Amino acid sequence: MREGNHKKRRLNAMDKAEKIMDLLMELIKSQFSGTISIGFNRGGITRIEKNEDILKNTMKPVN
């Protein structure tokens, strides 16, 4: 990177794959019970979203 160039370094495919695997492992450890959506554009990952129903995790069923 040239001096004065303050742009973030773009991650290569292997770096992205490692980050996704790390994220998934952390979610497994925390017993994540939601969904993961991964958006692709031209073969590249453009967006990763995780959704979880917070009521499902905090409310106890009524008998």
PDB file of N, CA and C in Angstrom:
ATOM      1  N   MET A   1       0.841  -1.169   0.000  1.00  0.00           N
ATOM      2  CA  MET A   1       0.000   0.000   0.000  1.00  0.00           C
ATOM      3  C   MET A   1       0.894   1.243   0.000  1.00  0.00           C
ATOM      4  N   ARG A   2       0.546   2.195  -0.809  1.00  0.00           N
ATOM      5  CA  ARG A   2       1.332   3.422  -0.866  1.00  0.00           C
ATOM      6  C   ARG A   2       1.052   4.299   0.331  1.00  0.00           C
ATOM      7  N   GLU A   3       2.066   5.075   0.709  1.00  0.00           N
ATOM      8  CA  GLU A   3       1.886   6.015   1.812  1.00  0.00           C
ATOM      9  C   GLU A   3       0.848   7.052   1.409  1.00  0.00           C
ATOM     10  N   GLY A   4      -0.026   7.383   2.336  1.00  0.00           N
ATOM     11  CA  GLY A   4      -1.070   8.355   2.039  1.00  0.00           C
ATOM     12  C   GLY A   4      -2.350   7.717   1.534  1.00  0.00           C
ATOM     13  N   ASN A   5      -2.297   6.442   1.195  1.00  0.00           N
ATOM     14  CA  ASN A   5      -3.487   5.732   0.736  1.00  0.00           C
ATOM     15  C   ASN A   5      -4.150   5.115   1.958  1.00  0.00           C
ATOM     16  N   HIS A   6      -5.274   5.671   2.381  1.00  0.00           N
ATOM     17  CA  HIS A   6      -5.916   5.253   3.615  1.00  0.00           C
ATOM     18  C   HIS A   6      -7.069   4.282   3.395  1.00  0.00           C
ATOM     19  N   LYS A   7      -7.206   3.741   2.192  1.00  0.00           N
ATOM     20  CA  LYS A   7      -8.269   2.783   1.937  1.00  0.00           C
ATOM     21  C   LYS A   7      -7.947   1.468   2.630  1.00  0.00           C
ATOM     22  N   LYS A   8      -9.006   0.786   3.080  1.00  0.00           N
ATOM     23  CA  LYS A   8      -8.822  -0.518   3.697  1.00  0.00           C
ATOM     24  C   LYS A   8      -8.412  -1.523   2.631  1.00  0.00           C
ATOM     25  N   ARG A   9      -7.587  -2.477   3.053  1.00  0.00           N
ATOM     26  CA  ARG A   9      -7.171  -3.534   2.144  1.00  0.00           C
ATOM     27  C   ARG A   9      -8.367  -4.444   1.878  1.00  0.00           C
ATOM     28  N   ARG A  10      -8.607  -4.756   0.615  1.00  0.00           N
ATOM     29  CA  ARG A  10      -9.693  -5.664   0.268  1.00  0.00           C
ATOM     30  C   ARG A  10      -9.296  -7.077   0.637  1.00  0.00           C
ATOM     31  N   LEU A  11     -10.214  -7.796   1.213  1.00  0.00           N
ATOM     32  CA  LEU A  11      -9.944  -9.170   1.604  1.00  0.00           C
ATOM     33  C   LEU A  11      -9.996 -10.085   0.385  1.00  0.00           C
ATOM     34  N   ASN A  12      -9.067 -11.036   0.337  1.00  0.00           N
ATOM     35  CA  ASN A  12      -9.128 -11.996  -0.755  1.00  0.00           C
ATOM     36  C   ASN A  12     -10.121 -13.095  -0.381  1.00  0.00           C
ATOM     37  N   ALA A  13     -10.368 -14.021  -1.294  1.00  0.00           N
ATOM     38  CA  ALA A  13     -11.389 -15.042  -1.094  1.00  0.00           C
ATOM     39  C   ALA A  13     -11.087 -15.918   0.123  1.00  0.00           C
ATOM     40  N   MET A  14      -9.834 -16.264   0.349  1.00  0.00           N
ATOM     41  CA  MET A  14      -9.485 -17.114   1.486  1.00  0.00           C
ATOM     42  C   MET A  14      -9.706 -16.376   2.808  1.00  0.00           C
ATOM     43  N   ASP A  15      -9.361 -15.096   2.856  1.00  0.00           N
ATOM     44  CA  ASP A  15      -9.595 -14.307   4.062  1.00  0.00           C
ATOM     45  C   ASP A  15     -11.087 -14.236   4.368  1.00  0.00           C
ATOM     46  N   LYS A  16     -11.902 -14.029   3.335  1.00  0.00           N
ATOM     47  CA  LYS A  16     -13.351 -13.958   3.529  1.00  0.00           C
ATOM     48  C   LYS A  16     -13.893 -15.296   4.022  1.00  0.00           C
ATOM     49  N   ALA A  17     -13.418 -16.385   3.428  1.00  0.00           N
ATOM     50  CA  ALA A  17     -13.877 -17.708   3.838  1.00  0.00           C
ATOM     51  C   ALA A  17     -13.527 -17.965   5.299  1.00  0.00           C
ATOM     52  N   GLU A  18     -12.334 -17.589   5.715  1.00  0.00           N
ATOM     53  CA  GLU A  18     -11.928 -17.768   7.110  1.00  0.00           C
ATOM     54  C   GLU A  18     -12.794 -16.935   8.052  1.00  0.00           C
ATOM     55  N   LYS A  19     -13.090 -15.697   7.661  1.00  0.00           N
ATOM     56  CA  LYS A  19     -13.925 -14.839   8.504  1.00  0.00           C
ATOM     57  C   LYS A  19     -15.337 -15.415   8.635  1.00  0.00           C
ATOM     58  N   ILE A  20     -15.875 -15.955   7.547  1.00  0.00           N
ATOM     59  CA  ILE A  20     -17.209 -16.551   7.588  1.00  0.00           C
ATOM     60  C   ILE A  20     -17.204 -17.784   8.484  1.00  0.00           C
ATOM     61  N   MET A  21     -16.182 -18.611   8.373  1.00  0.00           N
ATOM     62  CA  MET A  21     -16.094 -19.805   9.208  1.00  0.00           C
ATOM     63  C   MET A  21     -15.964 -19.418  10.684  1.00  0.00           C
ATOM     64  N   ASP A  22     -15.166 -18.397  10.977  1.00  0.00           N
ATOM     65  CA  ASP A  22     -15.038 -17.922  12.358  1.00  0.00           C
ATOM     66  C   ASP A  22     -16.391 -17.448  12.890  1.00  0.00           C
ATOM     67  N   LEU A  23     -17.123 -16.691  12.067  1.00  0.00           N
ATOM     68  CA  LEU A  23     -18.446 -16.214  12.450  1.00  0.00           C
ATOM     69  C   LEU A  23     -19.382 -17.379  12.744  1.00  0.00           C
ATOM     70  N   LEU A  24     -19.394 -18.372  11.860  1.00  0.00           N
ATOM     71  CA  LEU A  24     -20.278 -19.517  12.053  1.00  0.00           C
ATOM     72  C   LEU A  24     -19.910 -20.304  13.308  1.00  0.00           C
ATOM     73  N   MET A  25     -18.631 -20.467  13.570  1.00  0.00           N
ATOM     74  CA  MET A  25     -18.204 -21.181  14.776  1.00  0.00           C
ATOM     75  C   MET A  25     -18.650 -20.438  16.042  1.00  0.00           C
ATOM     76  N   GLU A  26     -18.540 -19.114  16.032  1.00  0.00           N
ATOM     77  CA  GLU A  26     -18.994 -18.323  17.189  1.00  0.00           C
ATOM     78  C   GLU A  26     -20.502 -18.444  17.380  1.00  0.00           C
ATOM     79  N   LEU A  27     -21.242 -18.461  16.276  1.00  0.00           N
ATOM     80  CA  LEU A  27     -22.699 -18.597  16.374  1.00  0.00           C
ATOM     81  C   LEU A  27     -23.079 -19.973  16.920  1.00  0.00           C
ATOM     82  N   ILE A  28     -22.354 -21.003  16.507  1.00  0.00           N
ATOM     83  CA  ILE A  28     -22.613 -22.350  17.016  1.00  0.00           C
ATOM     84  C   ILE A  28     -22.349 -22.396  18.515  1.00  0.00           C
ATOM     85  N   LYS A  29     -21.243 -21.802  18.946  1.00  0.00           N
ATOM     86  CA  LYS A  29     -20.897 -21.793  20.373  1.00  0.00           C
ATOM     87  C   LYS A  29     -21.961 -21.074  21.203  1.00  0.00           C
ATOM     88  N   SER A  30     -22.556 -20.037  20.642  1.00  0.00           N
ATOM     89  CA  SER A  30     -23.561 -19.273  21.378  1.00  0.00           C
ATOM     90  C   SER A  30     -24.969 -19.835  21.207  1.00  0.00           C
ATOM     91  N   GLN A  31     -25.089 -21.008  20.587  1.00  0.00           N
ATOM     92  CA  GLN A  31     -26.360 -21.687  20.347  1.00  0.00           C
ATOM     93  C   GLN A  31     -27.335 -20.814  19.556  1.00  0.00           C
ATOM     94  N   PHE A  32     -26.833 -20.169  18.545  1.00  0.00           N
ATOM     95  CA  PHE A  32     -27.641 -19.342  17.653  1.00  0.00           C
ATOM     96  C   PHE A  32     -28.751 -20.192  17.046  1.00  0.00           C
ATOM     97  N   SER A  33     -29.972 -19.673  17.052  1.00  0.00           N
ATOM     98  CA  SER A  33     -31.104 -20.451  16.552  1.00  0.00           C
ATOM     99  C   SER A  33     -31.851 -19.737  15.433  1.00  0.00           C
ATOM    100  N   GLY A  34     -31.188 -18.822  14.775  1.00  0.00           N
ATOM    101  CA  GLY A  34     -31.845 -18.053  13.717  1.00  0.00           C
ATOM    102  C   GLY A  34     -31.433 -18.504  12.336  1.00  0.00           C
ATOM    103  N   THR A  35     -31.441 -17.559  11.415  1.00  0.00           N
ATOM    104  CA  THR A  35     -31.076 -17.847  10.029  1.00  0.00           C
ATOM    105  C   THR A  35     -29.898 -16.973   9.606  1.00  0.00           C
ATOM    106  N   ILE A  36     -29.148 -17.466   8.635  1.00  0.00           N
ATOM    107  CA  ILE A  36     -28.042 -16.728   8.027  1.00  0.00           C
ATOM    108  C   ILE A  36     -28.363 -16.591   6.551  1.00  0.00           C
ATOM    109  N   SER A  37     -28.290 -15.388   6.023  1.00  0.00           N
ATOM    110  CA  SER A  37     -28.487 -15.145   4.592  1.00  0.00           C
ATOM    111  C   SER A  37     -27.196 -14.574   4.026  1.00  0.00           C
ATOM    112  N   ILE A  38     -26.724 -15.168   2.935  1.00  0.00           N
ATOM    113  CA  ILE A  38     -25.505 -14.699   2.277  1.00  0.00           C
ATOM    114  C   ILE A  38     -25.876 -14.276   0.873  1.00  0.00           C
ATOM    115  N   GLY A  39     -25.618 -13.005   0.562  1.00  0.00           N
ATOM    116  CA  GLY A  39     -25.918 -12.471  -0.757  1.00  0.00           C
ATOM    117  C   GLY A  39     -24.685 -12.512  -1.649  1.00  0.00           C
ATOM    118  N   PHE A  40     -24.874 -12.951  -2.887  1.00  0.00           N
ATOM    119  CA  PHE A  40     -23.789 -13.026  -3.849  1.00  0.00           C
ATOM    120  C   PHE A  40     -24.066 -12.115  -5.034  1.00  0.00           C
ATOM    121  N   ASN A  41     -23.020 -11.586  -5.620  1.00  0.00           N
ATOM    122  CA  ASN A  41     -23.117 -10.797  -6.836  1.00  0.00           C
ATOM    123  C   ASN A  41     -21.861 -11.065  -7.665  1.00  0.00           C
ATOM    124  N   ARG A  42     -22.053 -11.568  -8.851  1.00  0.00           N
ATOM    125  CA  ARG A  42     -20.932 -11.902  -9.749  1.00  0.00           C
ATOM    126  C   ARG A  42     -19.932 -12.834  -9.083  1.00  0.00           C
ATOM    127  N   GLY A  43     -20.443 -13.768  -8.301  1.00  0.00           N
ATOM    128  CA  GLY A  43     -19.586 -14.750  -7.667  1.00  0.00           C
ATOM    129  C   GLY A  43     -18.961 -14.310  -6.361  1.00  0.00           C
ATOM    130  N   GLY A  44     -19.129 -13.065  -5.984  1.00  0.00           N
ATOM    131  CA  GLY A  44     -18.558 -12.569  -4.737  1.00  0.00           C
ATOM    132  C   GLY A  44     -19.628 -12.358  -3.685  1.00  0.00           C
ATOM    133  N   ILE A  45     -19.230 -12.420  -2.435  1.00  0.00           N
ATOM    134  CA  ILE A  45     -20.168 -12.190  -1.343  1.00  0.00           C
ATOM    135  C   ILE A  45     -20.357 -10.685  -1.168  1.00  0.00           C
ATOM    136  N   THR A  46     -21.614 -10.258  -1.187  1.00  0.00           N
ATOM    137  CA  THR A  46     -21.903  -8.832  -1.059  1.00  0.00           C
ATOM    138  C   THR A  46     -22.486  -8.474   0.304  1.00  0.00           C
ATOM    139  N   ARG A  47     -23.154  -9.448   0.923  1.00  0.00           N
ATOM    140  CA  ARG A  47     -23.826  -9.133   2.192  1.00  0.00           C
ATOM    141  C   ARG A  47     -24.057 -10.415   2.978  1.00  0.00           C
ATOM    142  N   ILE A  48     -23.870 -10.332   4.287  1.00  0.00           N
ATOM    143  CA  ILE A  48     -24.184 -11.445   5.175  1.00  0.00           C
ATOM    144  C   ILE A  48     -25.079 -10.898   6.272  1.00  0.00           C
ATOM    145  N   GLU A  49     -26.238 -11.534   6.436  1.00  0.00           N
ATOM    146  CA  GLU A  49     -27.194 -11.099   7.453  1.00  0.00           C
ATOM    147  C   GLU A  49     -27.508 -12.268   8.372  1.00  0.00           C
ATOM    148  N   LYS A  50     -27.660 -11.979   9.650  1.00  0.00           N
ATOM    149  CA  LYS A  50     -28.135 -12.999  10.581  1.00  0.00           C
ATOM    150  C   LYS A  50     -29.404 -12.472  11.227  1.00  0.00           C
ATOM    151  N   ASN A  51     -30.382 -13.344  11.353  1.00  0.00           N
ATOM    152  CA  ASN A  51     -31.659 -12.990  11.943  1.00  0.00           C
ATOM    153  C   ASN A  51     -31.997 -14.010  13.010  1.00  0.00           C
ATOM    154  N   GLU A  52     -32.487 -13.510  14.137  1.00  0.00           N
ATOM    155  CA  GLU A  52     -32.868 -14.398  15.215  1.00  0.00           C
ATOM    156  C   GLU A  52     -34.101 -13.832  15.897  1.00  0.00           C
ATOM    157  N   ASP A  53     -35.046 -14.678  16.182  1.00  0.00           N
ATOM    158  CA  ASP A  53     -36.269 -14.271  16.864  1.00  0.00           C
ATOM    159  C   ASP A  53     -35.963 -14.145  18.346  1.00  0.00           C
ATOM    160  N   ILE A  54     -35.858 -12.920  18.841  1.00  0.00           N
ATOM    161  CA  ILE A  54     -35.470 -12.730  20.236  1.00  0.00           C
ATOM    162  C   ILE A  54     -36.545 -13.210  21.202  1.00  0.00           C
ATOM    163  N   LEU A  55     -37.793 -13.168  20.797  1.00  0.00           N
ATOM    164  CA  LEU A  55     -38.860 -13.645  21.676  1.00  0.00           C
ATOM    165  C   LEU A  55     -38.761 -15.151  21.883  1.00  0.00           C
ATOM    166  N   LYS A  56     -38.331 -15.866  20.865  1.00  0.00           N
ATOM    167  CA  LYS A  56     -38.205 -17.308  20.960  1.00  0.00           C
ATOM    168  C   LYS A  56     -37.159 -17.695  22.007  1.00  0.00           C
ATOM    169  N   ASN A  57     -36.134 -16.879  22.160  1.00  0.00           N
ATOM    170  CA  ASN A  57     -35.056 -17.187  23.094  1.00  0.00           C
ATOM    171  C   ASN A  57     -35.313 -16.690  24.506  1.00  0.00           C
ATOM    172  N   THR A  58     -36.181 -15.703  24.676  1.00  0.00           N
ATOM    173  CA  THR A  58     -36.360 -15.110  25.996  1.00  0.00           C
ATOM    174  C   THR A  58     -37.662 -15.491  26.674  1.00  0.00           C
ATOM    175  N   MET A  59     -38.663 -15.869  25.906  1.00  0.00           N
ATOM    176  CA  MET A  59     -39.965 -16.182  26.498  1.00  0.00           C
ATOM    177  C   MET A  59     -40.076 -17.681  26.757  1.00  0.00           C
ATOM    178  N   LYS A  60     -40.673 -18.011  27.889  1.00  0.00           N
ATOM    179  CA  LYS A  60     -40.923 -19.408  28.215  1.00  0.00           C
ATOM    180  C   LYS A  60     -42.325 -19.755  27.769  1.00  0.00           C
ATOM    181  N   PRO A  61     -42.532 -20.989  27.293  1.00  0.00           N
ATOM    182  CA  PRO A  61     -43.879 -21.374  26.841  1.00  0.00           C
ATOM    183  C   PRO A  61     -44.882 -21.369  27.992  1.00  0.00           C
ATOM    184  N   VAL A  62     -46.105 -21.032  27.682  1.00  0.00           N
ATOM    185  CA  VAL A  62     -47.186 -21.004  28.664  1.00  0.00           C
ATOM    186  C   VAL A  62     -47.833 -22.382  28.673  1.00  0.00           C
ATOM    187  N   ASN A  63     -47.989 -22.961  29.860  1.00  0.00           N
ATOM    188  CA  ASN A  63     -48.603 -24.297  29.972  1.00  0.00           C
ATOM    189  C   ASN A  63     -50.091 -24.200  30.145  1.00  0.00           C
TER     190      ASN A  63
END
